[in-house]
Amino acid sequence: MPENNIDTEAIECFNKLIWQRQCEYSHKVLSYLKKLQFGNTCCEELEELKNYRRTLLIINCYDTRDIPLNTTDYNTISYIEIKRLLDS
């Protein structure tokens, strides 16, 4: 039974990280839009936002049933690769 509790905690932690990343993304977009409004943007910032969004799309599609055993039964990429995306 304790193992199941650890699994649940890992999944909850993952979900919180995704939510945190989505909040960060929204703040970055708002900041970019404010800069865009005043003509104070650069192309690199837009490319960073695009890459951040791509990462979020991949992470949001991840099926958390693979987290406890770090398998790829429900996903095409491993949880270790997802962690790398979260850290980037």
N, C-alpha and C. Protein backbone atom coordinates (compact mmCIF):
# COMPACT_ATOMS: atom_id res chain seq x y z
N MET A 1 0.80 -1.21 0.00
CA MET A 1 0.00 0.00 0.00
C MET A 1 0.85 1.28 0.00
N PRO A 2 1.98 1.33 0.72
CA PRO A 2 2.78 2.55 0.68
C PRO A 2 3.30 2.86 -0.72
N GLU A 3 3.59 1.82 -1.52
CA GLU A 3 4.07 2.04 -2.87
C GLU A 3 3.04 2.79 -3.70
N ASN A 4 1.77 2.45 -3.52
CA ASN A 4 0.69 3.12 -4.23
C ASN A 4 0.63 4.59 -3.85
N ASN A 5 0.88 4.89 -2.59
CA ASN A 5 0.88 6.27 -2.10
C ASN A 5 2.01 7.06 -2.77
N ILE A 6 3.17 6.43 -2.93
CA ILE A 6 4.30 7.09 -3.59
C ILE A 6 3.95 7.37 -5.05
N ASP A 7 3.30 6.42 -5.69
CA ASP A 7 2.89 6.59 -7.08
C ASP A 7 1.93 7.76 -7.22
N THR A 8 0.97 7.83 -6.32
CA THR A 8 -0.01 8.92 -6.34
C THR A 8 0.68 10.26 -6.14
N GLU A 9 1.65 10.31 -5.23
CA GLU A 9 2.37 11.56 -4.98
C GLU A 9 3.17 11.98 -6.21
N ALA A 10 3.79 11.01 -6.88
CA ALA A 10 4.57 11.33 -8.09
C ALA A 10 3.67 11.90 -9.18
N ILE A 11 2.50 11.32 -9.33
CA ILE A 11 1.56 11.80 -10.35
C ILE A 11 1.04 13.19 -9.99
N GLU A 12 0.72 13.41 -8.72
CA GLU A 12 0.25 14.73 -8.29
C GLU A 12 1.35 15.77 -8.48
N CYS A 13 2.57 15.40 -8.17
CA CYS A 13 3.70 16.32 -8.35
C CYS A 13 3.87 16.67 -9.82
N PHE A 14 3.75 15.68 -10.68
CA PHE A 14 3.86 15.91 -12.12
C PHE A 14 2.76 16.86 -12.59
N ASN A 15 1.55 16.64 -12.14
CA ASN A 15 0.43 17.51 -12.53
C ASN A 15 0.63 18.94 -12.05
N LYS A 16 1.19 19.09 -10.86
CA LYS A 16 1.47 20.44 -10.34
C LYS A 16 2.56 21.12 -11.16
N LEU A 17 3.56 20.35 -11.58
CA LEU A 17 4.62 20.92 -12.40
C LEU A 17 4.07 21.40 -13.75
N ILE A 18 3.18 20.62 -14.32
CA ILE A 18 2.56 21.03 -15.58
C ILE A 18 1.78 22.32 -15.39
N TRP A 19 1.00 22.38 -14.33
CA TRP A 19 0.21 23.58 -14.05
C TRP A 19 1.13 24.78 -13.85
N GLN A 20 2.23 24.57 -13.13
CA GLN A 20 3.19 25.65 -12.90
C GLN A 20 3.78 26.13 -14.22
N ARG A 21 4.13 25.21 -15.10
CA ARG A 21 4.67 25.57 -16.41
C ARG A 21 3.67 26.33 -17.25
N GLN A 22 2.40 25.95 -17.17
CA GLN A 22 1.37 26.66 -17.91
C GLN A 22 1.22 28.09 -17.40
N CYS A 23 1.32 28.26 -16.09
CA CYS A 23 1.26 29.61 -15.52
C CYS A 23 2.45 30.45 -15.97
N GLU A 24 3.64 29.85 -15.96
CA GLU A 24 4.83 30.56 -16.42
C GLU A 24 4.67 30.98 -17.88
N TYR A 25 4.12 30.08 -18.67
CA TYR A 25 3.92 30.38 -20.09
C TYR A 25 2.96 31.56 -20.26
N SER A 26 1.89 31.56 -19.50
CA SER A 26 0.93 32.66 -19.63
C SER A 26 1.56 33.99 -19.25
N HIS A 27 2.43 33.99 -18.24
CA HIS A 27 3.12 35.22 -17.85
C HIS A 27 4.08 35.68 -18.94
N LYS A 28 4.77 34.72 -19.55
CA LYS A 28 5.70 35.06 -20.62
C LYS A 28 4.95 35.63 -21.83
N VAL A 29 3.81 35.05 -22.15
CA VAL A 29 3.02 35.55 -23.28
C VAL A 29 2.51 36.95 -22.99
N LEU A 30 2.02 37.17 -21.79
CA LEU A 30 1.55 38.51 -21.41
C LEU A 30 2.67 39.53 -21.52
N SER A 31 3.85 39.17 -21.04
CA SER A 31 4.99 40.07 -21.13
C SER A 31 5.35 40.35 -22.59
N TYR A 32 5.32 39.32 -23.41
CA TYR A 32 5.62 39.49 -24.84
C TYR A 32 4.59 40.40 -25.50
N LEU A 33 3.32 40.19 -25.18
CA LEU A 33 2.27 41.02 -25.78
C LEU A 33 2.41 42.49 -25.38
N LYS A 34 2.80 42.73 -24.14
CA LYS A 34 3.01 44.12 -23.71
C LYS A 34 4.17 44.75 -24.47
N LYS A 35 5.24 43.96 -24.65
CA LYS A 35 6.38 44.47 -25.42
C LYS A 35 5.99 44.69 -26.87
N LEU A 36 5.20 43.78 -27.41
CA LEU A 36 4.75 43.89 -28.80
C LEU A 36 3.91 45.14 -29.00
N GLN A 37 3.12 45.46 -28.01
CA GLN A 37 2.25 46.63 -28.08
C GLN A 37 3.08 47.91 -28.22
N PHE A 38 4.25 47.93 -27.61
CA PHE A 38 5.08 49.12 -27.65
C PHE A 38 6.25 48.98 -28.64
N GLY A 39 6.25 47.91 -29.43
CA GLY A 39 7.30 47.74 -30.43
C GLY A 39 8.65 47.42 -29.86
N ASN A 40 8.69 46.75 -28.71
CA ASN A 40 9.94 46.48 -28.02
C ASN A 40 10.22 44.98 -27.95
N THR A 41 10.06 44.27 -29.06
CA THR A 41 10.27 42.82 -29.06
C THR A 41 11.37 42.44 -30.03
N CYS A 42 11.82 41.21 -29.89
CA CYS A 42 12.80 40.68 -30.84
C CYS A 42 12.34 39.30 -31.28
N CYS A 43 12.86 38.85 -32.40
CA CYS A 43 12.44 37.56 -32.97
C CYS A 43 12.80 36.39 -32.05
N GLU A 44 13.89 36.50 -31.32
CA GLU A 44 14.32 35.42 -30.44
C GLU A 44 13.30 35.14 -29.35
N GLU A 45 12.68 36.17 -28.85
CA GLU A 45 11.68 36.00 -27.79
C GLU A 45 10.47 35.23 -28.30
N LEU A 46 10.05 35.51 -29.52
CA LEU A 46 8.93 34.80 -30.12
C LEU A 46 9.29 33.32 -30.32
N GLU A 47 10.50 33.05 -30.78
CA GLU A 47 10.94 31.67 -30.97
C GLU A 47 10.99 30.91 -29.65
N GLU A 48 11.42 31.58 -28.59
CA GLU A 48 11.43 30.96 -27.26
C GLU A 48 10.01 30.60 -26.82
N LEU A 49 9.07 31.50 -27.07
CA LEU A 49 7.67 31.23 -26.72
C LEU A 49 7.12 30.06 -27.51
N LYS A 50 7.46 29.98 -28.78
CA LYS A 50 7.01 28.86 -29.60
C LYS A 50 7.55 27.53 -29.09
N ASN A 51 8.84 27.51 -28.74
CA ASN A 51 9.44 26.28 -28.22
C ASN A 51 8.85 25.91 -26.86
N TYR A 52 8.59 26.90 -26.03
CA TYR A 52 7.98 26.65 -24.73
C TYR A 52 6.59 26.02 -24.91
N ARG A 53 5.85 26.55 -25.88
CA ARG A 53 4.51 26.03 -26.16
C ARG A 53 4.58 24.60 -26.68
N ARG A 54 5.52 24.32 -27.56
CA ARG A 54 5.69 22.97 -28.07
C ARG A 54 5.97 21.99 -26.94
N THR A 55 6.83 22.40 -26.03
CA THR A 55 7.15 21.57 -24.87
C THR A 55 5.90 21.32 -24.04
N LEU A 56 5.12 22.36 -23.81
CA LEU A 56 3.88 22.21 -23.04
C LEU A 56 2.91 21.25 -23.72
N LEU A 57 2.82 21.33 -25.02
CA LEU A 57 1.91 20.42 -25.74
C LEU A 57 2.34 18.97 -25.56
N ILE A 58 3.62 18.71 -25.62
CA ILE A 58 4.12 17.35 -25.42
C ILE A 58 3.86 16.89 -24.00
N ILE A 59 4.17 17.73 -23.04
CA ILE A 59 4.01 17.36 -21.63
C ILE A 59 2.54 17.15 -21.27
N ASN A 60 1.66 17.97 -21.82
CA ASN A 60 0.24 17.84 -21.53
C ASN A 60 -0.36 16.55 -22.06
N CYS A 61 0.23 16.01 -23.10
CA CYS A 61 -0.28 14.75 -23.68
C CYS A 61 0.25 13.51 -22.98
N TYR A 62 1.18 13.69 -22.07
CA TYR A 62 1.81 12.55 -21.40
C TYR A 62 0.80 11.85 -20.49
N ASP A 63 0.69 10.54 -20.63
CA ASP A 63 -0.21 9.73 -19.82
C ASP A 63 0.52 9.34 -18.53
N THR A 64 0.01 9.78 -17.41
CA THR A 64 0.70 9.59 -16.13
C THR A 64 0.72 8.14 -15.63
N ARG A 65 0.05 7.25 -16.29
CA ARG A 65 0.07 5.85 -15.87
C ARG A 65 1.46 5.22 -16.06
N ASP A 66 2.30 5.85 -16.85
CA ASP A 66 3.66 5.35 -17.05
C ASP A 66 4.64 5.81 -15.99
N ILE A 67 4.26 6.75 -15.15
CA ILE A 67 5.19 7.31 -14.16
C ILE A 67 5.67 6.29 -13.13
N PRO A 68 4.81 5.52 -12.49
CA PRO A 68 5.29 4.65 -11.40
C PRO A 68 6.40 3.68 -11.81
N LEU A 69 6.31 3.06 -12.97
CA LEU A 69 7.31 2.08 -13.38
C LEU A 69 8.24 2.59 -14.47
N ASN A 70 8.10 3.86 -14.85
CA ASN A 70 8.90 4.47 -15.89
C ASN A 70 8.88 3.61 -17.16
N THR A 71 7.70 3.29 -17.61
CA THR A 71 7.52 2.48 -18.81
C THR A 71 7.05 3.35 -19.96
N THR A 72 6.89 2.75 -21.11
CA THR A 72 6.32 3.44 -22.26
C THR A 72 5.11 2.66 -22.77
N ASP A 73 4.34 2.11 -21.85
CA ASP A 73 3.14 1.35 -22.21
C ASP A 73 2.05 2.25 -22.79
N TYR A 74 1.94 3.46 -22.26
CA TYR A 74 0.86 4.37 -22.67
C TYR A 74 1.38 5.58 -23.44
N ASN A 75 2.69 5.73 -23.55
CA ASN A 75 3.30 6.87 -24.21
C ASN A 75 4.39 6.41 -25.16
N THR A 76 4.78 7.29 -26.05
CA THR A 76 5.87 6.95 -26.97
C THR A 76 7.22 7.39 -26.44
N ILE A 77 7.24 8.29 -25.45
CA ILE A 77 8.50 8.71 -24.85
C ILE A 77 8.49 8.39 -23.37
N SER A 78 9.66 8.22 -22.81
CA SER A 78 9.76 7.81 -21.41
C SER A 78 9.59 9.00 -20.46
N TYR A 79 9.37 8.67 -19.20
CA TYR A 79 9.21 9.70 -18.18
C TYR A 79 10.52 10.47 -17.98
N ILE A 80 11.64 9.80 -18.19
CA ILE A 80 12.94 10.47 -18.06
C ILE A 80 13.05 11.58 -19.11
N GLU A 81 12.60 11.32 -20.32
CA GLU A 81 12.61 12.34 -21.37
C GLU A 81 11.65 13.48 -21.04
N ILE A 82 10.53 13.16 -20.44
CA ILE A 82 9.58 14.18 -20.01
C ILE A 82 10.22 15.06 -18.94
N LYS A 83 10.96 14.44 -18.02
CA LYS A 83 11.64 15.22 -16.97
C LYS A 83 12.65 16.18 -17.60
N ARG A 84 13.33 15.73 -18.63
CA ARG A 84 14.28 16.61 -19.33
C ARG A 84 13.56 17.81 -19.94
N LEU A 85 12.38 17.55 -20.49
CA LEU A 85 11.62 18.66 -21.05
C LEU A 85 11.17 19.63 -19.96
N LEU A 86 10.80 19.10 -18.82
CA LEU A 86 10.39 19.96 -17.71
C LEU A 86 11.55 20.80 -17.20
N ASP A 87 12.76 20.26 -17.26
CA ASP A 87 13.92 20.99 -16.78
C ASP A 87 14.45 22.02 -17.77
N SER A 88 14.04 21.88 -19.02
CA SER A 88 14.56 22.81 -20.04
C SER A 88 13.83 24.14 -20.02
